[in-house]
């Protein structure tokens, strides 16, 4: 849960019905290195890249549509694509603003 699903101590504790500090003690006793919030976010973006790339490039969905489908924000979608060297495309946005 901690390394694969990138869950926090609190989320694991809630799922198992134990306090988060006990989760932290258990992981520490088994020499599991702590994951910083920045590292967790970076790994989550890497994990989400294939799905977002498929939706944005192949299916030509906008950031808002992808965000609604995945429960993520438009800036998050943009960051995932930029982190992986993909230039985002503005589908249907040209000429809308006047």
PDB file of N, CA and C in Angstrom:
ATOM      1  N   UNK A   1       0.822  -1.192   0.000  1.00  0.00           N
ATOM      2  CA  UNK A   1       0.000   0.000   0.000  1.00  0.00           C
ATOM      3  C   UNK A   1       0.865   1.255   0.000  1.00  0.00           C
ATOM      4  N   UNK A   2       1.885   1.244   0.832  1.00  0.00           N
ATOM      5  CA  UNK A   2       2.706   2.439   1.003  1.00  0.00           C
ATOM      6  C   UNK A   2       3.518   2.736  -0.243  1.00  0.00           C
ATOM      7  N   UNK A   3       4.150   1.718  -0.799  1.00  0.00           N
ATOM      8  CA  UNK A   3       5.025   1.934  -1.942  1.00  0.00           C
ATOM      9  C   UNK A   3       4.300   1.781  -3.276  1.00  0.00           C
ATOM     10  N   UNK A   4       3.373   0.854  -3.379  1.00  0.00           N
ATOM     11  CA  UNK A   4       2.695   0.605  -4.649  1.00  0.00           C
ATOM     12  C   UNK A   4       1.566   1.592  -4.916  1.00  0.00           C
ATOM     13  N   UNK A   5       0.685   1.769  -3.940  1.00  0.00           N
ATOM     14  CA  UNK A   5      -0.458   2.666  -4.118  1.00  0.00           C
ATOM     15  C   UNK A   5      -0.146   4.091  -3.698  1.00  0.00           C
ATOM     16  N   UNK A   6       1.063   4.312  -3.182  1.00  0.00           N
ATOM     17  CA  UNK A   6       1.535   5.628  -2.754  1.00  0.00           C
ATOM     18  C   UNK A   6       0.607   6.269  -1.724  1.00  0.00           C
ATOM     19  N   UNK A   7       0.157   5.455  -0.787  1.00  0.00           N
ATOM     20  CA  UNK A   7      -0.721   5.949   0.268  1.00  0.00           C
ATOM     21  C   UNK A   7       0.113   6.532   1.410  1.00  0.00           C
ATOM     22  N   UNK A   8      -0.455   7.506   2.113  1.00  0.00           N
ATOM     23  CA  UNK A   8       0.208   8.098   3.268  1.00  0.00           C
ATOM     24  C   UNK A   8      -0.021   7.215   4.489  1.00  0.00           C
ATOM     25  N   UNK A   9       0.699   7.519   5.571  1.00  0.00           N
ATOM     26  CA  UNK A   9       0.498   6.771   6.820  1.00  0.00           C
ATOM     27  C   UNK A   9      -0.957   6.876   7.267  1.00  0.00           C
ATOM     28  N   UNK A  10      -1.518   8.078   7.147  1.00  0.00           N
ATOM     29  CA  UNK A  10      -2.903   8.312   7.568  1.00  0.00           C
ATOM     30  C   UNK A  10      -3.878   7.469   6.741  1.00  0.00           C
ATOM     31  N   UNK A  11      -3.689   7.430   5.436  1.00  0.00           N
ATOM     32  CA  UNK A  11      -4.579   6.661   4.566  1.00  0.00           C
ATOM     33  C   UNK A  11      -4.490   5.164   4.860  1.00  0.00           C
ATOM     34  N   UNK A  12      -3.283   4.679   5.116  1.00  0.00           N
ATOM     35  CA  UNK A  12      -3.115   3.263   5.454  1.00  0.00           C
ATOM     36  C   UNK A  12      -3.769   2.968   6.795  1.00  0.00           C
ATOM     37  N   UNK A  13      -3.553   3.867   7.752  1.00  0.00           N
ATOM     38  CA  UNK A  13      -4.165   3.699   9.069  1.00  0.00           C
ATOM     39  C   UNK A  13      -5.676   3.672   9.001  1.00  0.00           C
ATOM     40  N   UNK A  14      -6.251   4.566   8.197  1.00  0.00           N
ATOM     41  CA  UNK A  14      -7.709   4.591   8.031  1.00  0.00           C
ATOM     42  C   UNK A  14      -8.214   3.294   7.395  1.00  0.00           C
ATOM     43  N   UNK A  15      -7.475   2.786   6.408  1.00  0.00           N
ATOM     44  CA  UNK A  15      -7.883   1.554   5.725  1.00  0.00           C
ATOM     45  C   UNK A  15      -7.806   0.337   6.653  1.00  0.00           C
ATOM     46  N   UNK A  16      -6.817   0.334   7.536  1.00  0.00           N
ATOM     47  CA  UNK A  16      -6.624  -0.810   8.430  1.00  0.00           C
ATOM     48  C   UNK A  16      -7.281  -0.634   9.795  1.00  0.00           C
ATOM     49  N   UNK A  17      -7.714   0.586  10.079  1.00  0.00           N
ATOM     50  CA  UNK A  17      -8.358   0.851  11.360  1.00  0.00           C
ATOM     51  C   UNK A  17      -7.388   0.971  12.526  1.00  0.00           C
ATOM     52  N   UNK A  18      -6.167   1.431  12.242  1.00  0.00           N
ATOM     53  CA  UNK A  18      -5.176   1.649  13.300  1.00  0.00           C
ATOM     54  C   UNK A  18      -4.637   3.072  13.184  1.00  0.00           C
ATOM     55  N   UNK A  19      -4.063   3.620  14.256  1.00  0.00           N
ATOM     56  CA  UNK A  19      -3.507   4.978  14.194  1.00  0.00           C
ATOM     57  C   UNK A  19      -2.336   5.070  13.213  1.00  0.00           C
ATOM     58  N   UNK A  20      -2.179   6.238  12.601  1.00  0.00           N
ATOM     59  CA  UNK A  20      -1.134   6.414  11.590  1.00  0.00           C
ATOM     60  C   UNK A  20       0.258   6.245  12.178  1.00  0.00           C
ATOM     61  N   UNK A  21       0.454   6.623  13.448  1.00  0.00           N
ATOM     62  CA  UNK A  21       1.782   6.501  14.045  1.00  0.00           C
ATOM     63  C   UNK A  21       2.187   5.043  14.233  1.00  0.00           C
ATOM     64  N   UNK A  22       1.203   4.154  14.403  1.00  0.00           N
ATOM     65  CA  UNK A  22       1.515   2.721  14.462  1.00  0.00           C
ATOM     66  C   UNK A  22       1.957   2.205  13.094  1.00  0.00           C
ATOM     67  N   UNK A  23       1.324   2.721  12.048  1.00  0.00           N
ATOM     68  CA  UNK A  23       1.727   2.359  10.679  1.00  0.00           C
ATOM     69  C   UNK A  23       3.168   2.795  10.456  1.00  0.00           C
ATOM     70  N   UNK A  24       3.491   4.013  10.894  1.00  0.00           N
ATOM     71  CA  UNK A  24       4.848   4.544  10.740  1.00  0.00           C
ATOM     72  C   UNK A  24       5.858   3.681  11.501  1.00  0.00           C
ATOM     73  N   UNK A  25       5.514   3.274  12.717  1.00  0.00           N
ATOM     74  CA  UNK A  25       6.407   2.424  13.524  1.00  0.00           C
ATOM     75  C   UNK A  25       6.624   1.064  12.863  1.00  0.00           C
ATOM     76  N   UNK A  26       5.552   0.492  12.333  1.00  0.00           N
ATOM     77  CA  UNK A  26       5.651  -0.822  11.679  1.00  0.00           C
ATOM     78  C   UNK A  26       6.556  -0.744  10.456  1.00  0.00           C
ATOM     79  N   UNK A  27       6.352   0.269   9.630  1.00  0.00           N
ATOM     80  CA  UNK A  27       7.179   0.418   8.428  1.00  0.00           C
ATOM     81  C   UNK A  27       8.634   0.681   8.802  1.00  0.00           C
ATOM     82  N   UNK A  28       8.844   1.505   9.803  1.00  0.00           N
ATOM     83  CA  UNK A  28      10.204   1.811  10.247  1.00  0.00           C
ATOM     84  C   UNK A  28      10.889   0.556  10.796  1.00  0.00           C
ATOM     85  N   UNK A  29      10.152  -0.282  11.526  1.00  0.00           N
ATOM     86  CA  UNK A  29      10.741  -1.502  12.098  1.00  0.00           C
ATOM     87  C   UNK A  29      11.133  -2.514  11.020  1.00  0.00           C
ATOM     88  N   UNK A  30      10.505  -2.413   9.845  1.00  0.00           N
ATOM     89  CA  UNK A  30      10.839  -3.299   8.722  1.00  0.00           C
ATOM     90  C   UNK A  30      11.773  -2.623   7.725  1.00  0.00           C
ATOM     91  N   UNK A  31      12.403  -1.539   8.149  1.00  0.00           N
ATOM     92  CA  UNK A  31      13.384  -0.795   7.340  1.00  0.00           C
ATOM     93  C   UNK A  31      12.832  -0.313   6.003  1.00  0.00           C
ATOM     94  N   UNK A  32      11.572   0.098   5.995  1.00  0.00           N
ATOM     95  CA  UNK A  32      10.980   0.686   4.795  1.00  0.00           C
ATOM     96  C   UNK A  32      11.304   2.174   4.825  1.00  0.00           C
ATOM     97  N   UNK A  33      12.025   2.681   3.815  1.00  0.00           N
ATOM     98  CA  UNK A  33      12.402   4.095   3.838  1.00  0.00           C
ATOM     99  C   UNK A  33      11.177   4.996   3.654  1.00  0.00           C
ATOM    100  N   UNK A  34      11.163   6.132   4.347  1.00  0.00           N
ATOM    101  CA  UNK A  34      10.031   7.053   4.191  1.00  0.00           C
ATOM    102  C   UNK A  34      10.027   7.690   2.801  1.00  0.00           C
ATOM    103  N   UNK A  35       8.839   7.967   2.293  1.00  0.00           N
ATOM    104  CA  UNK A  35       8.685   8.605   0.986  1.00  0.00           C
ATOM    105  C   UNK A  35       8.230  10.036   1.227  1.00  0.00           C
ATOM    106  N   UNK A  36       8.994  10.998   0.710  1.00  0.00           N
ATOM    107  CA  UNK A  36       8.615  12.399   0.888  1.00  0.00           C
ATOM    108  C   UNK A  36       7.398  12.723   0.018  1.00  0.00           C
ATOM    109  N   UNK A  37       6.739  13.811   0.348  1.00  0.00           N
ATOM    110  CA  UNK A  37       5.556  14.221  -0.416  1.00  0.00           C
ATOM    111  C   UNK A  37       5.930  14.530  -1.868  1.00  0.00           C
ATOM    112  N   UNK A  38       7.097  15.156  -2.070  1.00  0.00           N
ATOM    113  CA  UNK A  38       7.550  15.475  -3.430  1.00  0.00           C
ATOM    114  C   UNK A  38       7.811  14.203  -4.233  1.00  0.00           C
ATOM    115  N   UNK A  39       8.434  13.224  -3.613  1.00  0.00           N
ATOM    116  CA  UNK A  39       8.701  11.951  -4.291  1.00  0.00           C
ATOM    117  C   UNK A  39       7.404  11.224  -4.599  1.00  0.00           C
ATOM    118  N   UNK A  40       6.472  11.253  -3.650  1.00  0.00           N
ATOM    119  CA  UNK A  40       5.167  10.609  -3.852  1.00  0.00           C
ATOM    120  C   UNK A  40       4.448  11.257  -5.047  1.00  0.00           C
ATOM    121  N   UNK A  41       4.484  12.588  -5.129  1.00  0.00           N
ATOM    122  CA  UNK A  41       3.830  13.300  -6.233  1.00  0.00           C
ATOM    123  C   UNK A  41       4.492  12.965  -7.566  1.00  0.00           C
ATOM    124  N   UNK A  42       5.824  12.899  -7.584  1.00  0.00           N
ATOM    125  CA  UNK A  42       6.553  12.577  -8.809  1.00  0.00           C
ATOM    126  C   UNK A  42       6.203  11.166  -9.286  1.00  0.00           C
ATOM    127  N   UNK A  43       6.168  10.215  -8.360  1.00  0.00           N
ATOM    128  CA  UNK A  43       5.817   8.833  -8.724  1.00  0.00           C
ATOM    129  C   UNK A  43       4.383   8.732  -9.215  1.00  0.00           C
ATOM    130  N   UNK A  44       3.480   9.490  -8.597  1.00  0.00           N
ATOM    131  CA  UNK A  44       2.075   9.476  -9.008  1.00  0.00           C
ATOM    132  C   UNK A  44       1.939  10.021 -10.435  1.00  0.00           C
ATOM    133  N   UNK A  45       2.701  11.084 -10.742  1.00  0.00           N
ATOM    134  CA  UNK A  45       2.660  11.646 -12.098  1.00  0.00           C
ATOM    135  C   UNK A  45       3.196  10.640 -13.115  1.00  0.00           C
ATOM    136  N   UNK A  46       4.262   9.916 -12.762  1.00  0.00           N
ATOM    137  CA  UNK A  46       4.804   8.901 -13.667  1.00  0.00           C
ATOM    138  C   UNK A  46       3.795   7.787 -13.896  1.00  0.00           C
ATOM    139  N   UNK A  47       3.108   7.412 -12.841  1.00  0.00           N
ATOM    140  CA  UNK A  47       2.117   6.339 -12.912  1.00  0.00           C
ATOM    141  C   UNK A  47       0.925   6.731 -13.792  1.00  0.00           C
ATOM    142  N   UNK A  48       0.517   8.004 -13.715  1.00  0.00           N
ATOM    143  CA  UNK A  48      -0.648   8.488 -14.451  1.00  0.00           C
ATOM    144  C   UNK A  48      -0.350   8.845 -15.904  1.00  0.00           C
ATOM    145  N   UNK A  49       0.922   8.893 -16.286  1.00  0.00           N
ATOM    146  CA  UNK A  49       1.287   9.399 -17.610  1.00  0.00           C
ATOM    147  C   UNK A  49       0.638   8.633 -18.757  1.00  0.00           C
ATOM    148  N   UNK A  50       0.706   7.323 -18.763  1.00  0.00           N
ATOM    149  CA  UNK A  50       0.193   6.546 -19.898  1.00  0.00           C
ATOM    150  C   UNK A  50      -1.291   6.782 -20.132  1.00  0.00           C
ATOM    151  N   UNK A  51      -2.059   6.808 -19.055  1.00  0.00           N
ATOM    152  CA  UNK A  51      -3.508   7.027 -19.177  1.00  0.00           C
ATOM    153  C   UNK A  51      -3.783   8.432 -19.695  1.00  0.00           C
ATOM    154  N   UNK A  52      -3.095   9.420 -19.135  1.00  0.00           N
ATOM    155  CA  UNK A  52      -3.308  10.809 -19.548  1.00  0.00           C
ATOM    156  C   UNK A  52      -2.861  11.013 -20.988  1.00  0.00           C
ATOM    157  N   UNK A  53      -1.724  10.432 -21.366  1.00  0.00           N
ATOM    158  CA  UNK A  53      -1.240  10.545 -22.740  1.00  0.00           C
ATOM    159  C   UNK A  53      -2.258   9.952 -23.709  1.00  0.00           C
ATOM    160  N   UNK A  54      -2.759   8.782 -23.390  1.00  0.00           N
ATOM    161  CA  UNK A  54      -3.764   8.116 -24.231  1.00  0.00           C
ATOM    162  C   UNK A  54      -4.989   9.009 -24.413  1.00  0.00           C
ATOM    163  N   UNK A  55      -5.479   9.560 -23.311  1.00  0.00           N
ATOM    164  CA  UNK A  55      -6.694  10.375 -23.374  1.00  0.00           C
ATOM    165  C   UNK A  55      -6.458  11.690 -24.115  1.00  0.00           C
ATOM    166  N   UNK A  56      -5.310  12.320 -23.886  1.00  0.00           N
ATOM    167  CA  UNK A  56      -5.063  13.640 -24.467  1.00  0.00           C
ATOM    168  C   UNK A  56      -4.646  13.572 -25.938  1.00  0.00           C
ATOM    169  N   UNK A  57      -3.714  12.712 -26.260  1.00  0.00           N
ATOM    170  CA  UNK A  57      -3.189  12.658 -27.625  1.00  0.00           C
ATOM    171  C   UNK A  57      -4.055  11.787 -28.534  1.00  0.00           C
ATOM    172  N   UNK A  58      -4.365  10.577 -28.125  1.00  0.00           N
ATOM    173  CA  UNK A  58      -5.107   9.650 -28.976  1.00  0.00           C
ATOM    174  C   UNK A  58      -6.591   9.995 -29.056  1.00  0.00           C
ATOM    175  N   UNK A  59      -7.213  10.216 -27.894  1.00  0.00           N
ATOM    176  CA  UNK A  59      -8.651  10.493 -27.863  1.00  0.00           C
ATOM    177  C   UNK A  59      -8.973  11.982 -27.984  1.00  0.00           C
ATOM    178  N   UNK A  60      -7.952  12.827 -28.021  1.00  0.00           N
ATOM    179  CA  UNK A  60      -8.075  14.282 -28.181  1.00  0.00           C
ATOM    180  C   UNK A  60      -9.016  14.916 -27.156  1.00  0.00           C
ATOM    181  N   UNK A  61      -8.854  14.528 -25.907  1.00  0.00           N
ATOM    182  CA  UNK A  61      -9.652  15.109 -24.831  1.00  0.00           C
ATOM    183  C   UNK A  61      -8.926  16.326 -24.263  1.00  0.00           C
ATOM    184  N   UNK A  62      -9.690  17.307 -23.782  1.00  0.00           N
ATOM    185  CA  UNK A  62      -9.102  18.489 -23.161  1.00  0.00           C
ATOM    186  C   UNK A  62      -8.673  18.155 -21.738  1.00  0.00           C
ATOM    187  N   UNK A  63      -7.917  19.067 -21.138  1.00  0.00           N
ATOM    188  CA  UNK A  63      -7.473  18.862 -19.755  1.00  0.00           C
ATOM    189  C   UNK A  63      -8.657  18.769 -18.807  1.00  0.00           C
ATOM    190  N   UNK A  64      -9.670  19.578 -19.040  1.00  0.00           N
ATOM    191  CA  UNK A  64     -10.856  19.568 -18.177  1.00  0.00           C
ATOM    192  C   UNK A  64     -11.575  18.222 -18.277  1.00  0.00           C
ATOM    193  N   UNK A  65     -11.735  17.709 -19.477  1.00  0.00           N
ATOM    194  CA  UNK A  65     -12.396  16.413 -19.666  1.00  0.00           C
ATOM    195  C   UNK A  65     -11.600  15.289 -18.999  1.00  0.00           C
ATOM    196  N   UNK A  66     -10.278  15.320 -19.161  1.00  0.00           N
ATOM    197  CA  UNK A  66      -9.427  14.305 -18.537  1.00  0.00           C
ATOM    198  C   UNK A  66      -9.506  14.428 -17.020  1.00  0.00           C
ATOM    199  N   UNK A  67      -9.451  15.658 -16.540  1.00  0.00           N
ATOM    200  CA  UNK A  67      -9.524  15.897 -15.103  1.00  0.00           C
ATOM    201  C   UNK A  67     -10.815  15.386 -14.496  1.00  0.00           C
ATOM    202  N   UNK A  68     -11.919  15.596 -15.194  1.00  0.00           N
ATOM    203  CA  UNK A  68     -13.209  15.116 -14.699  1.00  0.00           C
ATOM    204  C   UNK A  68     -13.260  13.590 -14.700  1.00  0.00           C
ATOM    205  N   UNK A  69     -12.675  12.979 -15.706  1.00  0.00           N
ATOM    206  CA  UNK A  69     -12.683  11.516 -15.801  1.00  0.00           C
ATOM    207  C   UNK A  69     -11.794  10.863 -14.735  1.00  0.00           C
ATOM    208  N   UNK A  70     -10.662  11.508 -14.419  1.00  0.00           N
ATOM    209  CA  UNK A  70      -9.701  10.918 -13.486  1.00  0.00           C
ATOM    210  C   UNK A  70      -9.764  11.505 -12.083  1.00  0.00           C
ATOM    211  N   UNK A  71     -10.501  12.594 -11.917  1.00  0.00           N
ATOM    212  CA  UNK A  71     -10.548  13.243 -10.607  1.00  0.00           C
ATOM    213  C   UNK A  71      -9.288  14.040 -10.312  1.00  0.00           C
ATOM    214  N   UNK A  72      -8.683  14.605 -11.329  1.00  0.00           N
ATOM    215  CA  UNK A  72      -7.461  15.405 -11.192  1.00  0.00           C
ATOM    216  C   UNK A  72      -7.709  16.799 -11.758  1.00  0.00           C
ATOM    217  N   UNK A  73      -6.836  17.738 -11.415  1.00  0.00           N
ATOM    218  CA  UNK A  73      -6.982  19.107 -11.898  1.00  0.00           C
ATOM    219  C   UNK A  73      -6.297  19.277 -13.252  1.00  0.00           C
ATOM    220  N   UNK A  74      -6.700  20.319 -13.981  1.00  0.00           N
ATOM    221  CA  UNK A  74      -6.098  20.607 -15.280  1.00  0.00           C
ATOM    222  C   UNK A  74      -4.601  20.919 -15.148  1.00  0.00           C
ATOM    223  N   UNK A  75      -4.167  21.709 -14.143  1.00  0.00           N
ATOM    224  CA  UNK A  75      -2.725  21.938 -13.993  1.00  0.00           C
ATOM    225  C   UNK A  75      -1.940  20.646 -13.732  1.00  0.00           C
ATOM    226  N   UNK A  76      -2.547  19.702 -13.024  1.00  0.00           N
ATOM    227  CA  UNK A  76      -1.901  18.410 -12.777  1.00  0.00           C
ATOM    228  C   UNK A  76      -1.708  17.668 -14.100  1.00  0.00           C
ATOM    229  N   UNK A  77      -2.738  17.675 -14.944  1.00  0.00           N
ATOM    230  CA  UNK A  77      -2.667  16.996 -16.250  1.00  0.00           C
ATOM    231  C   UNK A  77      -1.539  17.603 -17.083  1.00  0.00           C
ATOM    232  N   UNK A  78      -1.473  18.931 -17.117  1.00  0.00           N
ATOM    233  CA  UNK A  78      -0.431  19.632 -17.869  1.00  0.00           C
ATOM    234  C   UNK A  78       0.956  19.255 -17.335  1.00  0.00           C
ATOM    235  N   UNK A  79       1.116  19.228 -16.014  1.00  0.00           N
ATOM    236  CA  UNK A  79       2.404  18.911 -15.388  1.00  0.00           C
ATOM    237  C   UNK A  79       2.842  17.486 -15.726  1.00  0.00           C
ATOM    238  N   UNK A  80       1.915  16.545 -15.732  1.00  0.00           N
ATOM    239  CA  UNK A  80       2.238  15.149 -16.073  1.00  0.00           C
ATOM    240  C   UNK A  80       2.789  15.079 -17.493  1.00  0.00           C
ATOM    241  N   UNK A  81       2.131  15.744 -18.416  1.00  0.00           N
ATOM    242  CA  UNK A  81       2.583  15.711 -19.810  1.00  0.00           C
ATOM    243  C   UNK A  81       3.935  16.401 -19.967  1.00  0.00           C
ATOM    244  N   UNK A  82       4.105  17.573 -19.344  1.00  0.00           N
ATOM    245  CA  UNK A  82       5.362  18.309 -19.462  1.00  0.00           C
ATOM    246  C   UNK A  82       6.522  17.558 -18.816  1.00  0.00           C
ATOM    247  N   UNK A  83       6.286  16.899 -17.689  1.00  0.00           N
ATOM    248  CA  UNK A  83       7.339  16.124 -17.019  1.00  0.00           C
ATOM    249  C   UNK A  83       7.857  14.992 -17.893  1.00  0.00           C
ATOM    250  N   UNK A  84       7.013  14.490 -18.775  1.00  0.00           N
ATOM    251  CA  UNK A  84       7.389  13.367 -19.635  1.00  0.00           C
ATOM    252  C   UNK A  84       7.735  13.805 -21.053  1.00  0.00           C
ATOM    253  N   UNK A  85       7.958  15.096 -21.247  1.00  0.00           N
ATOM    254  CA  UNK A  85       8.427  15.609 -22.529  1.00  0.00           C
ATOM    255  C   UNK A  85       7.383  15.698 -23.622  1.00  0.00           C
ATOM    256  N   UNK A  86       6.111  15.723 -23.260  1.00  0.00           N
ATOM    257  CA  UNK A  86       5.039  15.822 -24.248  1.00  0.00           C
ATOM    258  C   UNK A  86       4.486  17.240 -24.221  1.00  0.00           C
ATOM    259  N   UNK A  87       4.419  17.863 -25.382  1.00  0.00           N
ATOM    260  CA  UNK A  87       3.874  19.215 -25.461  1.00  0.00           C
ATOM    261  C   UNK A  87       2.346  19.124 -25.504  1.00  0.00           C
ATOM    262  N   UNK A  88       1.659  19.749 -24.533  1.00  0.00           N
ATOM    263  CA  UNK A  88       0.195  19.715 -24.515  1.00  0.00           C
ATOM    264  C   UNK A  88      -0.404  20.409 -25.738  1.00  0.00           C
ATOM    265  N   UNK A  89      -1.543  19.911 -26.188  1.00  0.00           N
ATOM    266  CA  UNK A  89      -2.243  20.460 -27.346  1.00  0.00           C
ATOM    267  C   UNK A  89      -3.514  21.132 -26.857  1.00  0.00           C
ATOM    268  N   UNK A  90      -3.822  22.316 -27.390  1.00  0.00           N
ATOM    269  CA  UNK A  90      -5.056  23.019 -27.026  1.00  0.00           C
ATOM    270  C   UNK A  90      -6.164  22.615 -27.986  1.00  0.00           C
ATOM    271  N   UNK A  91      -6.922  21.587 -27.638  1.00  0.00           N
ATOM    272  CA  UNK A  91      -8.025  21.142 -28.478  1.00  0.00           C
ATOM    273  C   UNK A  91      -9.224  22.052 -28.274  1.00  0.00           C
ATOM    274  N   UNK A  92      -9.679  22.703 -29.335  1.00  0.00           N
ATOM    275  CA  UNK A  92     -10.904  23.490 -29.280  1.00  0.00           C
ATOM    276  C   UNK A  92     -10.803  24.794 -28.530  1.00  0.00           C
ATOM    277  N   UNK A  93      -9.624  25.241 -28.162  1.00  0.00           N
ATOM    278  CA  UNK A  93      -9.495  26.465 -27.390  1.00  0.00           C
ATOM    279  C   UNK A  93      -9.212  27.685 -28.261  1.00  0.00           C
ATOM    280  N   UNK A  94      -8.716  27.486 -29.454  1.00  0.00           N
ATOM    281  CA  UNK A  94      -8.362  28.603 -30.321  1.00  0.00           C
ATOM    282  C   UNK A  94      -9.626  29.327 -30.763  1.00  0.00           C
ATOM    283  N   UNK A  95      -9.648  30.635 -30.584  1.00  0.00           N
ATOM    284  CA  UNK A  95     -10.778  31.444 -31.011  1.00  0.00           C
ATOM    285  C   UNK A  95     -11.908  31.533 -30.011  1.00  0.00           C
ATOM    286  N   UNK A  96     -11.822  30.873 -28.899  1.00  0.00           N
ATOM    287  CA  UNK A  96     -12.895  30.921 -27.904  1.00  0.00           C
ATOM    288  C   UNK A  96     -12.899  32.227 -27.133  1.00  0.00           C
ATOM    289  N   UNK A  97     -11.726  32.700 -26.774  1.00  0.00           N
ATOM    290  CA  UNK A  97     -11.625  33.925 -25.983  1.00  0.00           C
ATOM    291  C   UNK A  97     -11.573  35.128 -26.898  1.00  0.00           C
ATOM    292  N   UNK A  98     -12.352  36.122 -26.574  1.00  0.00           N
ATOM    293  CA  UNK A  98     -12.373  37.337 -27.401  1.00  0.00           C
ATOM    294  C   UNK A  98     -12.248  38.544 -26.548  1.00  0.00           C
TER     295      UNK A  98
END
